Amino acid sequence: MKQILSDKEIPLIIKRLAHQIVEDHADPDKIVFVGVQPRGVHLSDRMVPELNKLYGRTVAYGILDITFYRDDIRREIMVPNQTRLDMSLENKEVILIDDVLYTGRTTRAALDALLDFGRPSKVTLCVLIDRRFNREIPIQPDYCGKTIDTIFSQKVKVLWNENDGKDEVILLD
């Protein structure tokens, strides 16, 4: 086990990501932030208050369940999570927020699921961790907290205080 991010580094990265997004997107009326269920919501729940502070107002924020859009976990019984998208995505830029970008399949499923809620003008991706050499689908993050090089057998685990009792990102062999 190797620590990739500590509980001190994670809040700094979240603030940096929020600043980068605000720098690139001056008008919050044109953006909808969407946390990808289940683990991306922990990151988005922390980023949105930072974005609200930087924009000086409440940003449009929803959460998206992709359970039935996945193509890589059909062997087990799937239990859906909550989707809460109380706003139109038509002609909005959607910023998807997830914890780890690995094969790209979760992001692909999120793109499919988004289309059921309208046609965004653009979709960008914000992730805490990018495992850049393990992609199966040509998807890259627009905003990334940390890029790491891993081999296929390794696992990146993001621990969130809300679920795991501490904030930490670790690499398991």
N, C-alpha and C. Protein backbone atom coordinates (compact mmCIF):
# COMPACT_ATOMS: atom_id res chain seq x y z
N MET A 1 0.85 -1.19 0.00
CA MET A 1 0.00 0.00 0.00
C MET A 1 0.89 1.25 0.00
N LYS A 2 0.54 2.18 -0.85
CA LYS A 2 1.31 3.43 -0.94
C LYS A 2 0.32 4.59 -0.94
N GLN A 3 0.59 5.60 -0.11
CA GLN A 3 -0.26 6.78 -0.07
C GLN A 3 0.05 7.67 -1.27
N ILE A 4 -1.02 8.06 -1.99
CA ILE A 4 -0.87 8.96 -3.13
C ILE A 4 -1.23 10.38 -2.73
N LEU A 5 -2.32 10.54 -1.98
CA LEU A 5 -2.73 11.85 -1.46
C LEU A 5 -3.11 11.72 0.00
N SER A 6 -2.73 12.71 0.78
CA SER A 6 -3.06 12.72 2.20
C SER A 6 -4.30 13.59 2.45
N ASP A 7 -4.74 13.58 3.68
CA ASP A 7 -5.90 14.40 4.08
C ASP A 7 -5.59 15.89 4.01
N LYS A 8 -4.34 16.25 3.96
CA LYS A 8 -3.96 17.67 3.83
C LYS A 8 -3.92 18.09 2.35
N GLU A 9 -3.57 17.16 1.47
CA GLU A 9 -3.45 17.47 0.05
C GLU A 9 -4.80 17.53 -0.66
N ILE A 10 -5.74 16.69 -0.27
CA ILE A 10 -7.03 16.61 -0.96
C ILE A 10 -7.77 17.94 -0.96
N PRO A 11 -7.92 18.64 0.19
CA PRO A 11 -8.61 19.94 0.13
C PRO A 11 -7.91 20.97 -0.74
N LEU A 12 -6.59 20.94 -0.77
CA LEU A 12 -5.84 21.88 -1.62
C LEU A 12 -6.12 21.60 -3.10
N ILE A 13 -6.16 20.33 -3.46
CA ILE A 13 -6.44 19.96 -4.85
C ILE A 13 -7.86 20.36 -5.23
N ILE A 14 -8.80 20.17 -4.33
CA ILE A 14 -10.19 20.55 -4.60
C ILE A 14 -10.29 22.05 -4.85
N LYS A 15 -9.61 22.84 -4.04
CA LYS A 15 -9.61 24.30 -4.24
C LYS A 15 -8.96 24.66 -5.57
N ARG A 16 -7.85 24.00 -5.92
CA ARG A 16 -7.17 24.27 -7.19
C ARG A 16 -8.09 23.94 -8.37
N LEU A 17 -8.74 22.79 -8.31
CA LEU A 17 -9.65 22.41 -9.40
C LEU A 17 -10.78 23.42 -9.55
N ALA A 18 -11.35 23.87 -8.42
CA ALA A 18 -12.42 24.87 -8.47
C ALA A 18 -11.92 26.17 -9.10
N HIS A 19 -10.73 26.60 -8.73
CA HIS A 19 -10.15 27.83 -9.30
C HIS A 19 -9.92 27.68 -10.80
N GLN A 20 -9.43 26.51 -11.23
CA GLN A 20 -9.20 26.30 -12.66
C GLN A 20 -10.50 26.35 -13.44
N ILE A 21 -11.55 25.76 -12.89
CA ILE A 21 -12.84 25.78 -13.56
C ILE A 21 -13.37 27.20 -13.68
N VAL A 22 -13.30 27.97 -12.61
CA VAL A 22 -13.80 29.35 -12.62
C VAL A 22 -12.97 30.20 -13.59
N GLU A 23 -11.69 29.95 -13.64
CA GLU A 23 -10.82 30.69 -14.57
C GLU A 23 -11.25 30.44 -16.02
N ASP A 24 -11.64 29.21 -16.33
CA ASP A 24 -12.03 28.86 -17.69
C ASP A 24 -13.49 29.15 -18.02
N HIS A 25 -14.32 29.32 -16.99
CA HIS A 25 -15.77 29.47 -17.19
C HIS A 25 -16.28 30.63 -16.33
N ALA A 26 -16.27 31.81 -16.88
CA ALA A 26 -16.63 33.01 -16.13
C ALA A 26 -18.12 33.10 -15.81
N ASP A 27 -18.97 32.53 -16.65
CA ASP A 27 -20.42 32.67 -16.48
C ASP A 27 -21.04 31.38 -15.93
N PRO A 28 -21.36 31.34 -14.64
CA PRO A 28 -21.92 30.11 -14.06
C PRO A 28 -23.33 29.78 -14.57
N ASP A 29 -24.00 30.74 -15.21
CA ASP A 29 -25.34 30.47 -15.75
C ASP A 29 -25.30 29.51 -16.93
N LYS A 30 -24.13 29.32 -17.51
CA LYS A 30 -24.01 28.44 -18.68
C LYS A 30 -23.53 27.04 -18.32
N ILE A 31 -23.35 26.77 -17.01
CA ILE A 31 -22.72 25.52 -16.56
C ILE A 31 -23.66 24.75 -15.64
N VAL A 32 -23.61 23.43 -15.75
CA VAL A 32 -24.24 22.53 -14.79
C VAL A 32 -23.15 21.57 -14.31
N PHE A 33 -22.96 21.49 -13.01
CA PHE A 33 -21.99 20.57 -12.42
C PHE A 33 -22.72 19.29 -12.07
N VAL A 34 -22.13 18.14 -12.45
CA VAL A 34 -22.79 16.86 -12.24
C VAL A 34 -21.80 15.87 -11.62
N GLY A 35 -22.11 15.44 -10.40
CA GLY A 35 -21.32 14.41 -9.74
C GLY A 35 -21.78 13.04 -10.18
N VAL A 36 -20.82 12.17 -10.50
CA VAL A 36 -21.13 10.82 -10.96
C VAL A 36 -21.22 9.88 -9.76
N GLN A 37 -22.38 9.22 -9.62
CA GLN A 37 -22.59 8.26 -8.54
C GLN A 37 -21.71 7.03 -8.76
N PRO A 38 -21.22 6.38 -7.72
CA PRO A 38 -21.40 6.77 -6.33
C PRO A 38 -20.26 7.63 -5.79
N ARG A 39 -19.02 7.35 -6.17
CA ARG A 39 -17.87 7.97 -5.49
C ARG A 39 -17.55 9.37 -5.97
N GLY A 40 -17.94 9.72 -7.17
CA GLY A 40 -17.70 11.07 -7.67
C GLY A 40 -18.50 12.11 -6.92
N VAL A 41 -19.59 11.70 -6.29
CA VAL A 41 -20.44 12.64 -5.55
C VAL A 41 -19.71 13.17 -4.32
N HIS A 42 -18.86 12.36 -3.72
CA HIS A 42 -18.09 12.85 -2.57
C HIS A 42 -17.19 14.02 -2.99
N LEU A 43 -16.56 13.88 -4.15
CA LEU A 43 -15.71 14.96 -4.66
C LEU A 43 -16.55 16.16 -5.04
N SER A 44 -17.65 15.95 -5.76
CA SER A 44 -18.47 17.08 -6.21
C SER A 44 -19.13 17.79 -5.02
N ASP A 45 -19.53 17.05 -3.99
CA ASP A 45 -20.10 17.67 -2.80
C ASP A 45 -19.11 18.61 -2.11
N ARG A 46 -17.84 18.35 -2.27
CA ARG A 46 -16.82 19.23 -1.69
C ARG A 46 -16.43 20.37 -2.63
N MET A 47 -16.49 20.09 -3.93
CA MET A 47 -16.12 21.13 -4.90
C MET A 47 -17.17 22.21 -5.03
N VAL A 48 -18.44 21.83 -4.99
CA VAL A 48 -19.52 22.80 -5.22
C VAL A 48 -19.50 23.95 -4.21
N PRO A 49 -19.31 23.72 -2.91
CA PRO A 49 -19.21 24.89 -2.00
C PRO A 49 -18.05 25.83 -2.36
N GLU A 50 -16.93 25.26 -2.82
CA GLU A 50 -15.81 26.09 -3.27
C GLU A 50 -16.22 26.91 -4.49
N LEU A 51 -16.90 26.27 -5.43
CA LEU A 51 -17.37 26.97 -6.62
C LEU A 51 -18.38 28.06 -6.26
N ASN A 52 -19.28 27.75 -5.34
CA ASN A 52 -20.26 28.75 -4.88
C ASN A 52 -19.56 29.99 -4.32
N LYS A 53 -18.51 29.77 -3.54
CA LYS A 53 -17.75 30.90 -2.96
C LYS A 53 -17.09 31.72 -4.06
N LEU A 54 -16.44 31.03 -4.99
CA LEU A 54 -15.72 31.73 -6.05
C LEU A 54 -16.65 32.49 -6.98
N TYR A 55 -17.81 31.91 -7.30
CA TYR A 55 -18.78 32.58 -8.17
C TYR A 55 -19.64 33.59 -7.41
N GLY A 56 -19.67 33.48 -6.09
CA GLY A 56 -20.48 34.40 -5.29
C GLY A 56 -21.97 34.10 -5.36
N ARG A 57 -22.31 32.89 -5.76
CA ARG A 57 -23.71 32.47 -5.83
C ARG A 57 -23.78 30.95 -5.93
N THR A 58 -24.97 30.41 -5.84
CA THR A 58 -25.17 28.97 -5.93
C THR A 58 -25.14 28.51 -7.38
N VAL A 59 -24.31 27.53 -7.67
CA VAL A 59 -24.21 27.00 -9.02
C VAL A 59 -25.20 25.86 -9.22
N ALA A 60 -25.54 25.57 -10.47
CA ALA A 60 -26.43 24.45 -10.79
C ALA A 60 -25.66 23.15 -10.56
N TYR A 61 -26.22 22.27 -9.75
CA TYR A 61 -25.52 21.05 -9.35
C TYR A 61 -26.49 19.88 -9.27
N GLY A 62 -26.11 18.79 -9.88
CA GLY A 62 -26.90 17.57 -9.80
C GLY A 62 -26.01 16.36 -9.65
N ILE A 63 -26.66 15.22 -9.41
CA ILE A 63 -25.93 13.96 -9.32
C ILE A 63 -26.54 12.98 -10.30
N LEU A 64 -25.71 12.10 -10.84
CA LEU A 64 -26.12 11.22 -11.92
C LEU A 64 -25.75 9.78 -11.60
N ASP A 65 -26.75 8.90 -11.65
CA ASP A 65 -26.51 7.47 -11.51
C ASP A 65 -26.31 6.87 -12.90
N ILE A 66 -25.29 6.05 -13.05
CA ILE A 66 -24.99 5.46 -14.35
C ILE A 66 -25.13 3.94 -14.34
N THR A 67 -25.68 3.40 -13.29
CA THR A 67 -25.72 1.95 -13.09
C THR A 67 -26.19 1.20 -14.33
N PHE A 68 -27.31 1.59 -14.91
CA PHE A 68 -27.87 0.83 -16.02
C PHE A 68 -27.31 1.25 -17.39
N TYR A 69 -26.32 2.12 -17.38
CA TYR A 69 -25.66 2.53 -18.61
C TYR A 69 -24.28 1.88 -18.75
N ARG A 70 -23.85 1.18 -17.72
CA ARG A 70 -22.53 0.56 -17.73
C ARG A 70 -22.51 -0.64 -18.66
N ASP A 71 -21.35 -0.90 -19.25
CA ASP A 71 -21.22 -2.08 -20.11
C ASP A 71 -20.24 -3.09 -19.54
N ASP A 72 -19.76 -2.83 -18.33
CA ASP A 72 -18.68 -3.67 -17.81
C ASP A 72 -19.01 -4.41 -16.51
N ILE A 73 -20.25 -4.33 -16.04
CA ILE A 73 -20.58 -5.06 -14.80
C ILE A 73 -21.95 -5.73 -14.90
N ARG A 74 -22.20 -6.44 -15.96
CA ARG A 74 -23.48 -7.09 -16.18
C ARG A 74 -23.62 -8.44 -15.46
N ARG A 75 -22.57 -8.95 -14.86
CA ARG A 75 -22.60 -10.27 -14.25
C ARG A 75 -23.25 -10.29 -12.87
N GLU A 76 -23.42 -9.17 -12.25
CA GLU A 76 -23.95 -9.13 -10.89
C GLU A 76 -25.25 -8.34 -10.84
N ILE A 77 -25.95 -8.50 -9.75
CA ILE A 77 -27.18 -7.73 -9.56
C ILE A 77 -26.79 -6.28 -9.31
N MET A 78 -27.39 -5.38 -10.06
CA MET A 78 -27.04 -3.97 -9.95
C MET A 78 -28.10 -3.24 -9.14
N VAL A 79 -27.64 -2.47 -8.17
CA VAL A 79 -28.53 -1.67 -7.35
C VAL A 79 -28.29 -0.20 -7.71
N PRO A 80 -29.31 0.45 -8.25
CA PRO A 80 -29.10 1.84 -8.69
C PRO A 80 -28.96 2.80 -7.52
N ASN A 81 -28.28 3.89 -7.79
CA ASN A 81 -28.16 5.01 -6.85
C ASN A 81 -29.14 6.10 -7.28
N GLN A 82 -29.10 7.20 -6.58
CA GLN A 82 -30.01 8.31 -6.86
C GLN A 82 -29.49 9.17 -8.00
N THR A 83 -30.40 9.62 -8.85
CA THR A 83 -30.11 10.67 -9.83
C THR A 83 -30.93 11.87 -9.42
N ARG A 84 -30.28 13.02 -9.39
CA ARG A 84 -30.97 14.27 -9.08
C ARG A 84 -30.46 15.34 -10.03
N LEU A 85 -31.20 15.53 -11.11
CA LEU A 85 -30.88 16.57 -12.08
C LEU A 85 -32.13 17.42 -12.25
N ASP A 86 -32.26 18.45 -11.43
CA ASP A 86 -33.45 19.29 -11.39
C ASP A 86 -33.37 20.49 -12.33
N MET A 87 -32.48 20.42 -13.30
CA MET A 87 -32.30 21.54 -14.22
C MET A 87 -32.14 21.01 -15.63
N SER A 88 -32.37 21.86 -16.58
CA SER A 88 -32.22 21.46 -17.98
C SER A 88 -30.74 21.45 -18.35
N LEU A 89 -30.37 20.49 -19.16
CA LEU A 89 -29.01 20.43 -19.68
C LEU A 89 -28.91 20.99 -21.09
N GLU A 90 -30.05 21.34 -21.68
CA GLU A 90 -30.08 21.87 -23.04
C GLU A 90 -29.18 23.10 -23.17
N ASN A 91 -28.25 23.01 -24.09
CA ASN A 91 -27.33 24.12 -24.41
C ASN A 91 -26.51 24.60 -23.21
N LYS A 92 -26.34 23.77 -22.23
CA LYS A 92 -25.48 24.09 -21.08
C LYS A 92 -24.18 23.32 -21.23
N GLU A 93 -23.13 23.83 -20.62
CA GLU A 93 -21.90 23.05 -20.52
C GLU A 93 -22.00 22.23 -19.25
N VAL A 94 -21.86 20.94 -19.38
CA VAL A 94 -21.89 20.05 -18.23
C VAL A 94 -20.45 19.73 -17.84
N ILE A 95 -20.16 19.90 -16.57
CA ILE A 95 -18.86 19.49 -16.05
C ILE A 95 -19.10 18.27 -15.18
N LEU A 96 -18.70 17.09 -15.70
CA LEU A 96 -18.82 15.84 -14.96
C LEU A 96 -17.70 15.78 -13.94
N ILE A 97 -18.04 15.34 -12.74
CA ILE A 97 -17.06 15.25 -11.66
C ILE A 97 -17.04 13.80 -11.16
N ASP A 98 -15.85 13.19 -11.18
CA ASP A 98 -15.69 11.82 -10.70
C ASP A 98 -14.38 11.71 -9.94
N ASP A 99 -14.25 10.65 -9.15
CA ASP A 99 -13.05 10.53 -8.33
C ASP A 99 -11.85 10.00 -9.10
N VAL A 100 -12.02 8.90 -9.85
CA VAL A 100 -10.89 8.28 -10.55
C VAL A 100 -11.27 8.03 -12.01
N LEU A 101 -10.41 8.43 -12.92
CA LEU A 101 -10.54 8.07 -14.33
C LEU A 101 -9.58 6.92 -14.58
N TYR A 102 -10.15 5.77 -14.95
CA TYR A 102 -9.35 4.56 -15.11
C TYR A 102 -9.47 4.07 -16.57
N THR A 103 -10.44 3.25 -16.87
CA THR A 103 -10.58 2.73 -18.23
C THR A 103 -11.34 3.69 -19.15
N GLY A 104 -12.14 4.57 -18.56
CA GLY A 104 -12.97 5.49 -19.33
C GLY A 104 -14.40 5.00 -19.46
N ARG A 105 -14.68 3.79 -19.03
CA ARG A 105 -16.02 3.21 -19.18
C ARG A 105 -17.06 3.92 -18.32
N THR A 106 -16.70 4.35 -17.13
CA THR A 106 -17.64 5.08 -16.28
C THR A 106 -18.01 6.40 -16.95
N THR A 107 -17.04 7.10 -17.49
CA THR A 107 -17.31 8.37 -18.16
C THR A 107 -18.16 8.15 -19.40
N ARG A 108 -17.89 7.10 -20.16
CA ARG A 108 -18.71 6.79 -21.33
C ARG A 108 -20.15 6.53 -20.92
N ALA A 109 -20.36 5.79 -19.84
CA ALA A 109 -21.70 5.52 -19.34
C ALA A 109 -22.38 6.82 -18.89
N ALA A 110 -21.61 7.71 -18.26
CA ALA A 110 -22.17 9.00 -17.83
C ALA A 110 -22.59 9.84 -19.03
N LEU A 111 -21.82 9.81 -20.09
CA LEU A 111 -22.19 10.54 -21.30
C LEU A 111 -23.50 10.01 -21.88
N ASP A 112 -23.65 8.69 -21.91
CA ASP A 112 -24.90 8.10 -22.38
C ASP A 112 -26.08 8.50 -21.49
N ALA A 113 -25.88 8.45 -20.18
CA ALA A 113 -26.95 8.80 -19.24
C ALA A 113 -27.34 10.27 -19.36
N LEU A 114 -26.38 11.14 -19.57
CA LEU A 114 -26.67 12.58 -19.70
C LEU A 114 -27.64 12.88 -20.83
N LEU A 115 -27.52 12.14 -21.91
CA LEU A 115 -28.36 12.41 -23.07
C LEU A 115 -29.85 12.19 -22.78
N ASP A 116 -30.16 11.42 -21.74
CA ASP A 116 -31.57 11.26 -21.35
C ASP A 116 -32.13 12.52 -20.70
N PHE A 117 -31.27 13.47 -20.37
CA PHE A 117 -31.69 14.69 -19.68
C PHE A 117 -31.52 15.94 -20.56
N GLY A 118 -31.27 15.73 -21.83
CA GLY A 118 -31.11 16.86 -22.74
C GLY A 118 -29.79 16.78 -23.47
N ARG A 119 -29.59 17.76 -24.33
CA ARG A 119 -28.37 17.79 -25.14
C ARG A 119 -27.51 18.96 -24.71
N PRO A 120 -26.46 18.67 -23.93
CA PRO A 120 -25.56 19.76 -23.53
C PRO A 120 -24.80 20.32 -24.72
N SER A 121 -24.38 21.58 -24.62
CA SER A 121 -23.56 22.17 -25.67
C SER A 121 -22.14 21.61 -25.64
N LYS A 122 -21.71 21.20 -24.45
CA LYS A 122 -20.35 20.69 -24.28
C LYS A 122 -20.31 19.91 -22.96
N VAL A 123 -19.46 18.90 -22.90
CA VAL A 123 -19.24 18.16 -21.67
C VAL A 123 -17.74 18.14 -21.40
N THR A 124 -17.37 18.50 -20.19
CA THR A 124 -15.96 18.40 -19.78
C THR A 124 -15.89 17.50 -18.56
N LEU A 125 -14.70 17.03 -18.26
CA LEU A 125 -14.51 16.05 -17.19
C LEU A 125 -13.49 16.56 -16.18
N CYS A 126 -13.88 16.46 -14.92
CA CYS A 126 -13.00 16.83 -13.80
C CYS A 126 -12.85 15.60 -12.91
N VAL A 127 -11.61 15.19 -12.66
CA VAL A 127 -11.35 14.02 -11.82
C VAL A 127 -10.29 14.35 -10.77
N LEU A 128 -10.36 13.63 -9.67
CA LEU A 128 -9.33 13.76 -8.64
C LEU A 128 -8.06 13.03 -9.08
N ILE A 129 -8.20 11.81 -9.59
CA ILE A 129 -7.06 10.98 -9.99
C ILE A 129 -7.25 10.51 -11.43
N ASP A 130 -6.20 10.64 -12.23
CA ASP A 130 -6.19 10.12 -13.60
C ASP A 130 -5.15 9.01 -13.68
N ARG A 131 -5.63 7.78 -13.93
CA ARG A 131 -4.73 6.64 -14.17
C ARG A 131 -4.50 6.58 -15.68
N ARG A 132 -3.60 7.37 -16.18
CA ARG A 132 -3.53 7.69 -17.60
C ARG A 132 -3.16 6.55 -18.54
N PHE A 133 -2.48 5.53 -18.10
CA PHE A 133 -2.05 4.49 -19.03
C PHE A 133 -2.97 3.28 -19.04
N ASN A 134 -4.17 3.38 -18.49
CA ASN A 134 -5.07 2.23 -18.40
C ASN A 134 -6.36 2.43 -19.18
N ARG A 135 -6.38 3.38 -20.09
CA ARG A 135 -7.61 3.70 -20.81
C ARG A 135 -7.98 2.62 -21.81
N GLU A 136 -9.27 2.28 -21.86
CA GLU A 136 -9.82 1.38 -22.87
C GLU A 136 -10.64 2.16 -23.89
N ILE A 137 -11.03 3.37 -23.53
CA ILE A 137 -11.83 4.25 -24.38
C ILE A 137 -11.10 5.59 -24.44
N PRO A 138 -11.06 6.25 -25.58
CA PRO A 138 -10.28 7.49 -25.70
C PRO A 138 -10.94 8.69 -25.01
N ILE A 139 -10.84 8.70 -23.69
CA ILE A 139 -11.41 9.77 -22.87
C ILE A 139 -10.29 10.32 -22.01
N GLN A 140 -10.20 11.65 -21.94
CA GLN A 140 -9.17 12.32 -21.15
C GLN A 140 -9.83 13.36 -20.25
N PRO A 141 -9.27 13.63 -19.07
CA PRO A 141 -9.85 14.66 -18.21
C PRO A 141 -9.46 16.06 -18.67
N ASP A 142 -10.37 17.00 -18.48
CA ASP A 142 -10.08 18.41 -18.73
C ASP A 142 -9.47 19.06 -17.50
N TYR A 143 -9.86 18.56 -16.33
CA TYR A 143 -9.35 19.04 -15.05
C TYR A 143 -8.97 17.83 -14.23
N CYS A 144 -7.75 17.83 -13.72
CA CYS A 144 -7.24 16.65 -13.02
C CYS A 144 -6.47 17.06 -11.78
N GLY A 145 -6.79 16.41 -10.67
CA GLY A 145 -6.08 16.69 -9.42
C GLY A 145 -4.67 16.13 -9.44
N LYS A 146 -4.53 14.86 -9.81
CA LYS A 146 -3.22 14.22 -9.84
C LYS A 146 -3.25 13.11 -10.88
N THR A 147 -2.20 13.03 -11.67
CA THR A 147 -2.04 11.97 -12.66
C THR A 147 -1.04 10.97 -12.10
N ILE A 148 -1.41 9.68 -12.17
CA ILE A 148 -0.50 8.66 -11.69
C ILE A 148 -0.35 7.57 -12.74
N ASP A 149 0.80 6.93 -12.72
CA ASP A 149 1.08 5.81 -13.61
C ASP A 149 0.93 4.53 -12.80
N THR A 150 0.09 3.65 -13.28
CA THR A 150 -0.16 2.38 -12.59
C THR A 150 -0.13 1.25 -13.59
N ILE A 151 -0.02 0.04 -13.08
CA ILE A 151 -0.19 -1.13 -13.92
C ILE A 151 -1.59 -1.68 -13.68
N PHE A 152 -2.03 -2.51 -14.61
CA PHE A 152 -3.42 -2.98 -14.61
C PHE A 152 -3.81 -3.68 -13.31
N SER A 153 -2.88 -4.39 -12.68
CA SER A 153 -3.20 -5.16 -11.47
C SER A 153 -3.34 -4.28 -10.22
N GLN A 154 -2.89 -3.05 -10.27
CA GLN A 154 -2.98 -2.16 -9.12
C GLN A 154 -4.36 -1.54 -9.02
N LYS A 155 -4.72 -1.16 -7.81
CA LYS A 155 -6.03 -0.54 -7.57
C LYS A 155 -5.82 0.79 -6.84
N VAL A 156 -6.50 1.82 -7.31
CA VAL A 156 -6.48 3.12 -6.64
C VAL A 156 -7.74 3.20 -5.79
N LYS A 157 -7.57 3.46 -4.52
CA LYS A 157 -8.72 3.56 -3.62
C LYS A 157 -8.76 4.97 -3.04
N VAL A 158 -9.89 5.65 -3.26
CA VAL A 158 -10.09 6.98 -2.70
C VAL A 158 -10.96 6.81 -1.46
N LEU A 159 -10.41 7.20 -0.34
CA LEU A 159 -11.13 7.12 0.94
C LEU A 159 -11.69 8.50 1.26
N TRP A 160 -12.97 8.53 1.60
CA TRP A 160 -13.64 9.78 1.95
C TRP A 160 -14.09 9.70 3.40
N ASN A 161 -13.88 10.77 4.12
CA ASN A 161 -14.24 10.83 5.53
C ASN A 161 -15.70 10.40 5.76
N GLU A 162 -16.59 10.79 4.87
CA GLU A 162 -18.02 10.49 5.02
C GLU A 162 -18.30 8.99 5.04
N ASN A 163 -17.54 8.21 4.29
CA ASN A 163 -17.75 6.76 4.20
C ASN A 163 -16.70 5.95 4.95
N ASP A 164 -15.46 6.42 4.87
CA ASP A 164 -14.33 5.60 5.31
C ASP A 164 -13.66 6.11 6.59
N GLY A 165 -14.12 7.24 7.12
CA GLY A 165 -13.55 7.77 8.36
C GLY A 165 -12.28 8.57 8.20
N LYS A 166 -11.78 8.70 6.96
CA LYS A 166 -10.60 9.53 6.71
C LYS A 166 -10.54 9.87 5.23
N ASP A 167 -9.83 10.93 4.93
CA ASP A 167 -9.58 11.34 3.53
C ASP A 167 -8.18 10.90 3.15
N GLU A 168 -8.11 10.11 2.09
CA GLU A 168 -6.82 9.62 1.65
C GLU A 168 -7.00 8.93 0.30
N VAL A 169 -5.96 8.97 -0.53
CA VAL A 169 -5.93 8.18 -1.74
C VAL A 169 -4.73 7.25 -1.63
N ILE A 170 -5.00 5.95 -1.84
CA ILE A 170 -3.94 4.96 -1.70
C ILE A 170 -3.87 4.09 -2.95
N LEU A 171 -2.70 3.53 -3.19
CA LEU A 171 -2.46 2.61 -4.28
C LEU A 171 -2.21 1.23 -3.68
N LEU A 172 -3.03 0.27 -4.10
CA LEU A 172 -2.92 -1.11 -3.61
C LEU A 172 -2.32 -1.98 -4.69
N ASP A 173 -1.36 -2.82 -4.30
CA ASP A 173 -0.74 -3.76 -5.26
C ASP A 173 -1.53 -5.04 -5.35
